[in-house]
């Protein structure tokens, strides 16, 4: 299969930092990371990745007093339901 090469100009510093950070995080080359991002962005990803874990949520909890107030009622037991 023939591979085509591109040169992309005008890449901003923040986009470069983001791409390099993602490549390091995923343990991939910058080229592989950018190709994957391009495929996803164009809607032609090689396969739909289905995650079966919650790794992307780990460490993302932010304490929110408003949420605590909203679910406070769920912390009480209704004695009528436990007869």
PDB file of N, CA and C in Angstrom:
ATOM      1  N   UNK A   1       0.844  -1.173   0.000  1.00  0.00           N
ATOM      2  CA  UNK A   1       0.000   0.000   0.000  1.00  0.00           C
ATOM      3  C   UNK A   1       0.895   1.244   0.000  1.00  0.00           C
ATOM      4  N   UNK A   2       0.633   2.140  -0.874  1.00  0.00           N
ATOM      5  CA  UNK A   2       1.389   3.384  -0.986  1.00  0.00           C
ATOM      6  C   UNK A   2       1.004   4.339   0.144  1.00  0.00           C
ATOM      7  N   UNK A   3       1.980   4.979   0.735  1.00  0.00           N
ATOM      8  CA  UNK A   3       1.730   5.947   1.813  1.00  0.00           C
ATOM      9  C   UNK A   3       2.059   7.340   1.311  1.00  0.00           C
ATOM     10  N   UNK A   4       1.189   8.271   1.574  1.00  0.00           N
ATOM     11  CA  UNK A   4       1.372   9.663   1.186  1.00  0.00           C
ATOM     12  C   UNK A   4       1.884  10.437   2.380  1.00  0.00           C
ATOM     13  N   UNK A   5       2.772  11.362   2.157  1.00  0.00           N
ATOM     14  CA  UNK A   5       3.306  12.187   3.238  1.00  0.00           C
ATOM     15  C   UNK A   5       2.810  13.615   3.082  1.00  0.00           C
ATOM     16  N   UNK A   6       2.543  14.251   4.218  1.00  0.00           N
ATOM     17  CA  UNK A   6       2.098  15.636   4.249  1.00  0.00           C
ATOM     18  C   UNK A   6       3.081  16.479   5.050  1.00  0.00           C
ATOM     19  N   UNK A   7       3.107  17.748   4.718  1.00  0.00           N
ATOM     20  CA  UNK A   7       3.774  18.740   5.558  1.00  0.00           C
ATOM     21  C   UNK A   7       2.691  19.705   5.986  1.00  0.00           C
ATOM     22  N   UNK A   8       2.543  19.879   7.272  1.00  0.00           N
ATOM     23  CA  UNK A   8       1.504  20.779   7.787  1.00  0.00           C
ATOM     24  C   UNK A   8       2.181  22.009   8.360  1.00  0.00           C
ATOM     25  N   UNK A   9       1.772  23.162   7.868  1.00  0.00           N
ATOM     26  CA  UNK A   9       2.355  24.424   8.320  1.00  0.00           C
ATOM     27  C   UNK A   9       1.385  25.146   9.235  1.00  0.00           C
ATOM     28  N   UNK A  10       1.925  26.050  10.025  1.00  0.00           N
ATOM     29  CA  UNK A  10       1.081  26.917  10.850  1.00  0.00           C
ATOM     30  C   UNK A  10       0.544  26.258  12.110  1.00  0.00           C
ATOM     31  N   UNK A  11       1.230  25.242  12.602  1.00  0.00           N
ATOM     32  CA  UNK A  11       0.807  24.570  13.829  1.00  0.00           C
ATOM     33  C   UNK A  11       1.153  25.490  15.010  1.00  0.00           C
ATOM     34  N   UNK A  12       0.148  25.838  15.800  1.00  0.00           N
ATOM     35  CA  UNK A  12       0.385  26.723  16.941  1.00  0.00           C
ATOM     36  C   UNK A  12       1.131  25.983  18.048  1.00  0.00           C
ATOM     37  N   UNK A  13       1.788  26.748  18.912  1.00  0.00           N
ATOM     38  CA  UNK A  13       2.554  26.140  20.003  1.00  0.00           C
ATOM     39  C   UNK A  13       1.664  25.357  20.949  1.00  0.00           C
ATOM     40  N   UNK A  14       0.461  25.869  21.226  1.00  0.00           N
ATOM     41  CA  UNK A  14      -0.423  25.149  22.151  1.00  0.00           C
ATOM     42  C   UNK A  14      -0.905  23.829  21.542  1.00  0.00           C
ATOM     43  N   UNK A  15      -1.156  23.807  20.238  1.00  0.00           N
ATOM     44  CA  UNK A  15      -1.558  22.562  19.584  1.00  0.00           C
ATOM     45  C   UNK A  15      -0.404  21.559  19.584  1.00  0.00           C
ATOM     46  N   UNK A  16       0.799  22.048  19.340  1.00  0.00           N
ATOM     47  CA  UNK A  16       1.987  21.191  19.376  1.00  0.00           C
ATOM     48  C   UNK A  16       2.172  20.595  20.766  1.00  0.00           C
ATOM     49  N   UNK A  17       2.064  21.419  21.813  1.00  0.00           N
ATOM     50  CA  UNK A  17       2.216  20.925  23.189  1.00  0.00           C
ATOM     51  C   UNK A  17       1.175  19.858  23.499  1.00  0.00           C
ATOM     52  N   UNK A  18      -0.052  20.128  23.100  1.00  0.00           N
ATOM     53  CA  UNK A  18      -1.148  19.189  23.369  1.00  0.00           C
ATOM     54  C   UNK A  18      -0.900  17.845  22.671  1.00  0.00           C
ATOM     55  N   UNK A  19      -0.492  17.902  21.411  1.00  0.00           N
ATOM     56  CA  UNK A  19      -0.240  16.678  20.650  1.00  0.00           C
ATOM     57  C   UNK A  19       0.915  15.890  21.248  1.00  0.00           C
ATOM     58  N   UNK A  20       1.974  16.576  21.619  1.00  0.00           N
ATOM     59  CA  UNK A  20       3.134  15.891  22.201  1.00  0.00           C
ATOM     60  C   UNK A  20       2.795  15.300  23.573  1.00  0.00           C
ATOM     61  N   UNK A  21       2.021  16.009  24.350  1.00  0.00           N
ATOM     62  CA  UNK A  21       1.595  15.515  25.663  1.00  0.00           C
ATOM     63  C   UNK A  21       0.767  14.246  25.500  1.00  0.00           C
ATOM     64  N   UNK A  22      -0.170  14.254  24.540  1.00  0.00           N
ATOM     65  CA  UNK A  22      -1.006  13.076  24.300  1.00  0.00           C
ATOM     66  C   UNK A  22      -0.161  11.896  23.824  1.00  0.00           C
ATOM     67  N   UNK A  23       0.803  12.161  22.961  1.00  0.00           N
ATOM     68  CA  UNK A  23       1.681  11.087  22.473  1.00  0.00           C
ATOM     69  C   UNK A  23       2.450  10.460  23.629  1.00  0.00           C
ATOM     70  N   UNK A  24       2.989  11.292  24.516  1.00  0.00           N
ATOM     71  CA  UNK A  24       3.720  10.760  25.687  1.00  0.00           C
ATOM     72  C   UNK A  24       2.786   9.966  26.582  1.00  0.00           C
ATOM     73  N   UNK A  25       1.604  10.512  26.837  1.00  0.00           N
ATOM     74  CA  UNK A  25       0.638   9.854  27.721  1.00  0.00           C
ATOM     75  C   UNK A  25       0.255   8.471  27.191  1.00  0.00           C
ATOM     76  N   UNK A  26       0.063   8.370  25.886  1.00  0.00           N
ATOM     77  CA  UNK A  26      -0.371   7.109  25.285  1.00  0.00           C
ATOM     78  C   UNK A  26       0.793   6.215  24.874  1.00  0.00           C
ATOM     79  N   UNK A  27       2.026   6.712  25.051  1.00  0.00           N
ATOM     80  CA  UNK A  27       3.195   5.918  24.703  1.00  0.00           C
ATOM     81  C   UNK A  27       3.306   5.651  23.214  1.00  0.00           C
ATOM     82  N   UNK A  28       2.897   6.627  22.401  1.00  0.00           N
ATOM     83  CA  UNK A  28       2.925   6.482  20.949  1.00  0.00           C
ATOM     84  C   UNK A  28       3.831   7.546  20.362  1.00  0.00           C
ATOM     85  N   UNK A  29       4.198   7.348  19.116  1.00  0.00           N
ATOM     86  CA  UNK A  29       4.967   8.382  18.418  1.00  0.00           C
ATOM     87  C   UNK A  29       4.040   9.560  18.121  1.00  0.00           C
ATOM     88  N   UNK A  30       4.650  10.712  17.906  1.00  0.00           N
ATOM     89  CA  UNK A  30       3.867  11.895  17.551  1.00  0.00           C
ATOM     90  C   UNK A  30       3.124  11.647  16.248  1.00  0.00           C
ATOM     91  N   UNK A  31       3.777  11.007  15.287  1.00  0.00           N
ATOM     92  CA  UNK A  31       3.147  10.707  14.003  1.00  0.00           C
ATOM     93  C   UNK A  31       1.906   9.829  14.189  1.00  0.00           C
ATOM     94  N   UNK A  32       2.035   8.749  14.965  1.00  0.00           N
ATOM     95  CA  UNK A  32       0.904   7.845  15.193  1.00  0.00           C
ATOM     96  C   UNK A  32      -0.235   8.571  15.897  1.00  0.00           C
ATOM     97  N   UNK A  33       0.102   9.423  16.862  1.00  0.00           N
ATOM     98  CA  UNK A  33      -0.903  10.181  17.599  1.00  0.00           C
ATOM     99  C   UNK A  33      -1.654  11.130  16.678  1.00  0.00           C
ATOM    100  N   UNK A  34      -0.919  11.835  15.815  1.00  0.00           N
ATOM    101  CA  UNK A  34      -1.556  12.781  14.901  1.00  0.00           C
ATOM    102  C   UNK A  34      -2.399  12.070  13.839  1.00  0.00           C
ATOM    103  N   UNK A  35      -1.922  10.924  13.355  1.00  0.00           N
ATOM    104  CA  UNK A  35      -2.718  10.164  12.388  1.00  0.00           C
ATOM    105  C   UNK A  35      -4.034   9.701  13.014  1.00  0.00           C
ATOM    106  N   UNK A  36      -3.957   9.232  14.247  1.00  0.00           N
ATOM    107  CA  UNK A  36      -5.176   8.787  14.935  1.00  0.00           C
ATOM    108  C   UNK A  36      -6.134   9.954  15.145  1.00  0.00           C
ATOM    109  N   UNK A  37      -5.606  11.111  15.552  1.00  0.00           N
ATOM    110  CA  UNK A  37      -6.446  12.294  15.752  1.00  0.00           C
ATOM    111  C   UNK A  37      -7.084  12.732  14.436  1.00  0.00           C
ATOM    112  N   UNK A  38      -6.332  12.658  13.353  1.00  0.00           N
ATOM    113  CA  UNK A  38      -6.847  13.026  12.039  1.00  0.00           C
ATOM    114  C   UNK A  38      -7.963  12.071  11.614  1.00  0.00           C
ATOM    115  N   UNK A  39      -7.733  10.774  11.809  1.00  0.00           N
ATOM    116  CA  UNK A  39      -8.776   9.784  11.478  1.00  0.00           C
ATOM    117  C   UNK A  39     -10.060  10.046  12.274  1.00  0.00           C
ATOM    118  N   UNK A  40      -9.899  10.247  13.582  1.00  0.00           N
ATOM    119  CA  UNK A  40     -11.070  10.503  14.425  1.00  0.00           C
ATOM    120  C   UNK A  40     -11.769  11.789  14.009  1.00  0.00           C
ATOM    121  N   UNK A  41     -10.986  12.830  13.764  1.00  0.00           N
ATOM    122  CA  UNK A  41     -11.556  14.116  13.382  1.00  0.00           C
ATOM    123  C   UNK A  41     -12.318  14.064  12.068  1.00  0.00           C
ATOM    124  N   UNK A  42     -11.865  13.224  11.154  1.00  0.00           N
ATOM    125  CA  UNK A  42     -12.536  13.089   9.869  1.00  0.00           C
ATOM    126  C   UNK A  42     -13.633  12.027   9.884  1.00  0.00           C
ATOM    127  N   UNK A  43     -13.770  11.356  11.024  1.00  0.00           N
ATOM    128  CA  UNK A  43     -14.815  10.339  11.156  1.00  0.00           C
ATOM    129  C   UNK A  43     -14.508   9.052  10.432  1.00  0.00           C
ATOM    130  N   UNK A  44     -13.219   8.757  10.259  1.00  0.00           N
ATOM    131  CA  UNK A  44     -12.837   7.521   9.575  1.00  0.00           C
ATOM    132  C   UNK A  44     -11.915   6.681  10.443  1.00  0.00           C
ATOM    133  N   UNK A  45     -12.152   6.685  11.747  1.00  0.00           N
ATOM    134  CA  UNK A  45     -11.330   5.896  12.671  1.00  0.00           C
ATOM    135  C   UNK A  45     -11.382   4.435  12.241  1.00  0.00           C
ATOM    136  N   UNK A  46     -10.244   3.760  12.367  1.00  0.00           N
ATOM    137  CA  UNK A  46     -10.156   2.365  11.915  1.00  0.00           C
ATOM    138  C   UNK A  46     -11.120   1.456  12.660  1.00  0.00           C
ATOM    139  N   UNK A  47     -11.362   1.742  13.927  1.00  0.00           N
ATOM    140  CA  UNK A  47     -12.326   0.948  14.685  1.00  0.00           C
ATOM    141  C   UNK A  47     -12.863   1.787  15.825  1.00  0.00           C
ATOM    142  N   UNK A  48     -14.074   1.521  16.183  1.00  0.00           N
ATOM    143  CA  UNK A  48     -14.651   2.198  17.335  1.00  0.00           C
ATOM    144  C   UNK A  48     -14.107   1.527  18.584  1.00  0.00           C
ATOM    145  N   UNK A  49     -13.431   2.275  19.400  1.00  0.00           N
ATOM    146  CA  UNK A  49     -12.845   1.728  20.619  1.00  0.00           C
ATOM    147  C   UNK A  49     -13.912   1.697  21.696  1.00  0.00           C
ATOM    148  N   UNK A  50     -14.120   0.525  22.268  1.00  0.00           N
ATOM    149  CA  UNK A  50     -15.075   0.385  23.354  1.00  0.00           C
ATOM    150  C   UNK A  50     -14.292   0.120  24.625  1.00  0.00           C
ATOM    151  N   UNK A  51     -14.407   1.032  25.553  1.00  0.00           N
ATOM    152  CA  UNK A  51     -13.714   0.871  26.820  1.00  0.00           C
ATOM    153  C   UNK A  51     -14.625   0.142  27.794  1.00  0.00           C
ATOM    154  N   UNK A  52     -14.035  -0.773  28.554  1.00  0.00           N
ATOM    155  CA  UNK A  52     -14.824  -1.518  29.522  1.00  0.00           C
ATOM    156  C   UNK A  52     -14.408  -1.170  30.945  1.00  0.00           C
ATOM    157  N   UNK A  53     -13.662  -0.098  31.079  1.00  0.00           N
ATOM    158  CA  UNK A  53     -13.252   0.315  32.413  1.00  0.00           C
ATOM    159  C   UNK A  53     -13.607   1.792  32.619  1.00  0.00           C
ATOM    160  N   UNK A  54     -13.317   2.273  33.786  1.00  0.00           N
ATOM    161  CA  UNK A  54     -13.634   3.664  34.119  1.00  0.00           C
ATOM    162  C   UNK A  54     -12.372   4.481  34.338  1.00  0.00           C
ATOM    163  N   UNK A  55     -11.274   4.076  33.709  1.00  0.00           N
ATOM    164  CA  UNK A  55      -9.996   4.761  33.893  1.00  0.00           C
ATOM    165  C   UNK A  55     -10.076   6.251  33.591  1.00  0.00           C
ATOM    166  N   UNK A  56     -10.872   6.616  32.590  1.00  0.00           N
ATOM    167  CA  UNK A  56     -10.939   8.020  32.228  1.00  0.00           C
ATOM    168  C   UNK A  56     -11.634   8.861  33.302  1.00  0.00           C
ATOM    169  N   UNK A  57     -12.342   8.204  34.220  1.00  0.00           N
ATOM    170  CA  UNK A  57     -13.019   8.923  35.296  1.00  0.00           C
ATOM    171  C   UNK A  57     -12.193   8.987  36.584  1.00  0.00           C
ATOM    172  N   UNK A  58     -11.229   8.104  36.721  1.00  0.00           N
ATOM    173  CA  UNK A  58     -10.429   8.038  37.945  1.00  0.00           C
ATOM    174  C   UNK A  58      -9.745   9.368  38.211  1.00  0.00           C
ATOM    175  N   UNK A  59      -9.947   9.864  39.415  1.00  0.00           N
ATOM    176  CA  UNK A  59      -9.298  11.111  39.822  1.00  0.00           C
ATOM    177  C   UNK A  59      -9.965  12.362  39.301  1.00  0.00           C
ATOM    178  N   UNK A  60     -11.143  12.223  38.699  1.00  0.00           N
ATOM    179  CA  UNK A  60     -11.780  13.403  38.112  1.00  0.00           C
ATOM    180  C   UNK A  60     -12.877  14.004  38.989  1.00  0.00           C
ATOM    181  N   UNK A  61     -13.143  13.393  40.145  1.00  0.00           N
ATOM    182  CA  UNK A  61     -14.216  13.887  41.006  1.00  0.00           C
ATOM    183  C   UNK A  61     -13.872  15.267  41.553  1.00  0.00           C
ATOM    184  N   UNK A  62     -14.838  16.147  41.492  1.00  0.00           N
ATOM    185  CA  UNK A  62     -14.685  17.492  42.033  1.00  0.00           C
ATOM    186  C   UNK A  62     -15.780  17.668  43.070  1.00  0.00           C
ATOM    187  N   UNK A  63     -15.394  18.002  44.309  1.00  0.00           N
ATOM    188  CA  UNK A  63     -16.383  18.200  45.367  1.00  0.00           C
ATOM    189  C   UNK A  63     -17.322  19.336  44.991  1.00  0.00           C
ATOM    190  N   UNK A  64     -18.620  19.082  45.084  1.00  0.00           N
ATOM    191  CA  UNK A  64     -19.619  20.076  44.705  1.00  0.00           C
ATOM    192  C   UNK A  64     -20.725  20.089  45.755  1.00  0.00           C
ATOM    193  N   UNK A  65     -20.733  21.089  46.627  1.00  0.00           N
ATOM    194  CA  UNK A  65     -21.760  21.172  47.672  1.00  0.00           C
ATOM    195  C   UNK A  65     -23.184  21.170  47.109  1.00  0.00           C
ATOM    196  N   UNK A  66     -23.372  21.746  45.947  1.00  0.00           N
ATOM    197  CA  UNK A  66     -24.702  21.778  45.309  1.00  0.00           C
ATOM    198  C   UNK A  66     -25.173  20.355  44.991  1.00  0.00           C
ATOM    199  N   UNK A  67     -24.268  19.518  44.506  1.00  0.00           N
ATOM    200  CA  UNK A  67     -24.591  18.123  44.217  1.00  0.00           C
ATOM    201  C   UNK A  67     -24.922  17.394  45.516  1.00  0.00           C
ATOM    202  N   UNK A  68     -24.117  17.634  46.568  1.00  0.00           N
ATOM    203  CA  UNK A  68     -24.360  16.993  47.866  1.00  0.00           C
ATOM    204  C   UNK A  68     -25.754  17.326  48.380  1.00  0.00           C
ATOM    205  N   UNK A  69     -26.145  18.586  48.232  1.00  0.00           N
ATOM    206  CA  UNK A  69     -27.496  18.974  48.673  1.00  0.00           C
ATOM    207  C   UNK A  69     -28.566  18.277  47.834  1.00  0.00           C
ATOM    208  N   UNK A  70     -28.325  18.148  46.542  1.00  0.00           N
ATOM    209  CA  UNK A  70     -29.313  17.545  45.640  1.00  0.00           C
ATOM    210  C   UNK A  70     -29.549  16.071  45.954  1.00  0.00           C
ATOM    211  N   UNK A  71     -28.527  15.360  46.416  1.00  0.00           N
ATOM    212  CA  UNK A  71     -28.700  13.924  46.685  1.00  0.00           C
ATOM    213  C   UNK A  71     -28.854  13.603  48.173  1.00  0.00           C
ATOM    214  N   UNK A  72     -28.919  14.614  49.011  1.00  0.00           N
ATOM    215  CA  UNK A  72     -29.017  14.402  50.456  1.00  0.00           C
ATOM    216  C   UNK A  72     -30.212  13.524  50.823  1.00  0.00           C
ATOM    217  N   UNK A  73     -31.324  13.694  50.133  1.00  0.00           N
ATOM    218  CA  UNK A  73     -32.513  12.908  50.423  1.00  0.00           C
ATOM    219  C   UNK A  73     -32.282  11.414  50.198  1.00  0.00           C
ATOM    220  N   UNK A  74     -31.371  11.075  49.299  1.00  0.00           N
ATOM    221  CA  UNK A  74     -31.094   9.667  48.996  1.00  0.00           C
ATOM    222  C   UNK A  74     -30.314   8.992  50.121  1.00  0.00           C
ATOM    223  N   UNK A  75     -29.759   9.767  51.048  1.00  0.00           N
ATOM    224  CA  UNK A  75     -28.996   9.193  52.152  1.00  0.00           C
ATOM    225  C   UNK A  75     -29.891   8.737  53.300  1.00  0.00           C
ATOM    226  N   UNK A  76     -31.176   9.018  53.215  1.00  0.00           N
ATOM    227  CA  UNK A  76     -32.076   8.616  54.299  1.00  0.00           C
ATOM    228  C   UNK A  76     -32.822   7.334  53.917  1.00  0.00           C
ATOM    229  N   UNK A  77     -33.187   6.571  54.926  1.00  0.00           N
ATOM    230  CA  UNK A  77     -33.893   5.310  54.727  1.00  0.00           C
ATOM    231  C   UNK A  77     -35.366   5.533  55.018  1.00  0.00           C
ATOM    232  N   UNK A  78     -36.218   5.074  54.128  1.00  0.00           N
ATOM    233  CA  UNK A  78     -37.670   5.162  54.325  1.00  0.00           C
ATOM    234  C   UNK A  78     -38.106   3.892  55.053  1.00  0.00           C
ATOM    235  N   UNK A  79     -38.455   4.006  56.341  1.00  0.00           N
ATOM    236  CA  UNK A  79     -38.833   2.803  57.122  1.00  0.00           C
ATOM    237  C   UNK A  79     -40.010   2.049  56.513  1.00  0.00           C
ATOM    238  N   UNK A  80     -40.885   2.736  55.811  1.00  0.00           N
ATOM    239  CA  UNK A  80     -42.052   2.081  55.188  1.00  0.00           C
ATOM    240  C   UNK A  80     -41.632   1.075  54.111  1.00  0.00           C
ATOM    241  N   UNK A  81     -40.520   1.344  53.465  1.00  0.00           N
ATOM    242  CA  UNK A  81     -40.061   0.437  52.413  1.00  0.00           C
ATOM    243  C   UNK A  81     -39.359  -0.789  52.966  1.00  0.00           C
ATOM    244  N   UNK A  82     -39.012  -0.790  54.250  1.00  0.00           N
ATOM    245  CA  UNK A  82     -38.255  -1.892  54.841  1.00  0.00           C
ATOM    246  C   UNK A  82     -39.056  -2.692  55.858  1.00  0.00           C
ATOM    247  N   UNK A  83     -40.366  -2.721  55.732  1.00  0.00           N
ATOM    248  CA  UNK A  83     -41.220  -3.495  56.633  1.00  0.00           C
ATOM    249  C   UNK A  83     -41.357  -4.907  56.149  1.00  0.00           C
TER     250      UNK A  83
END
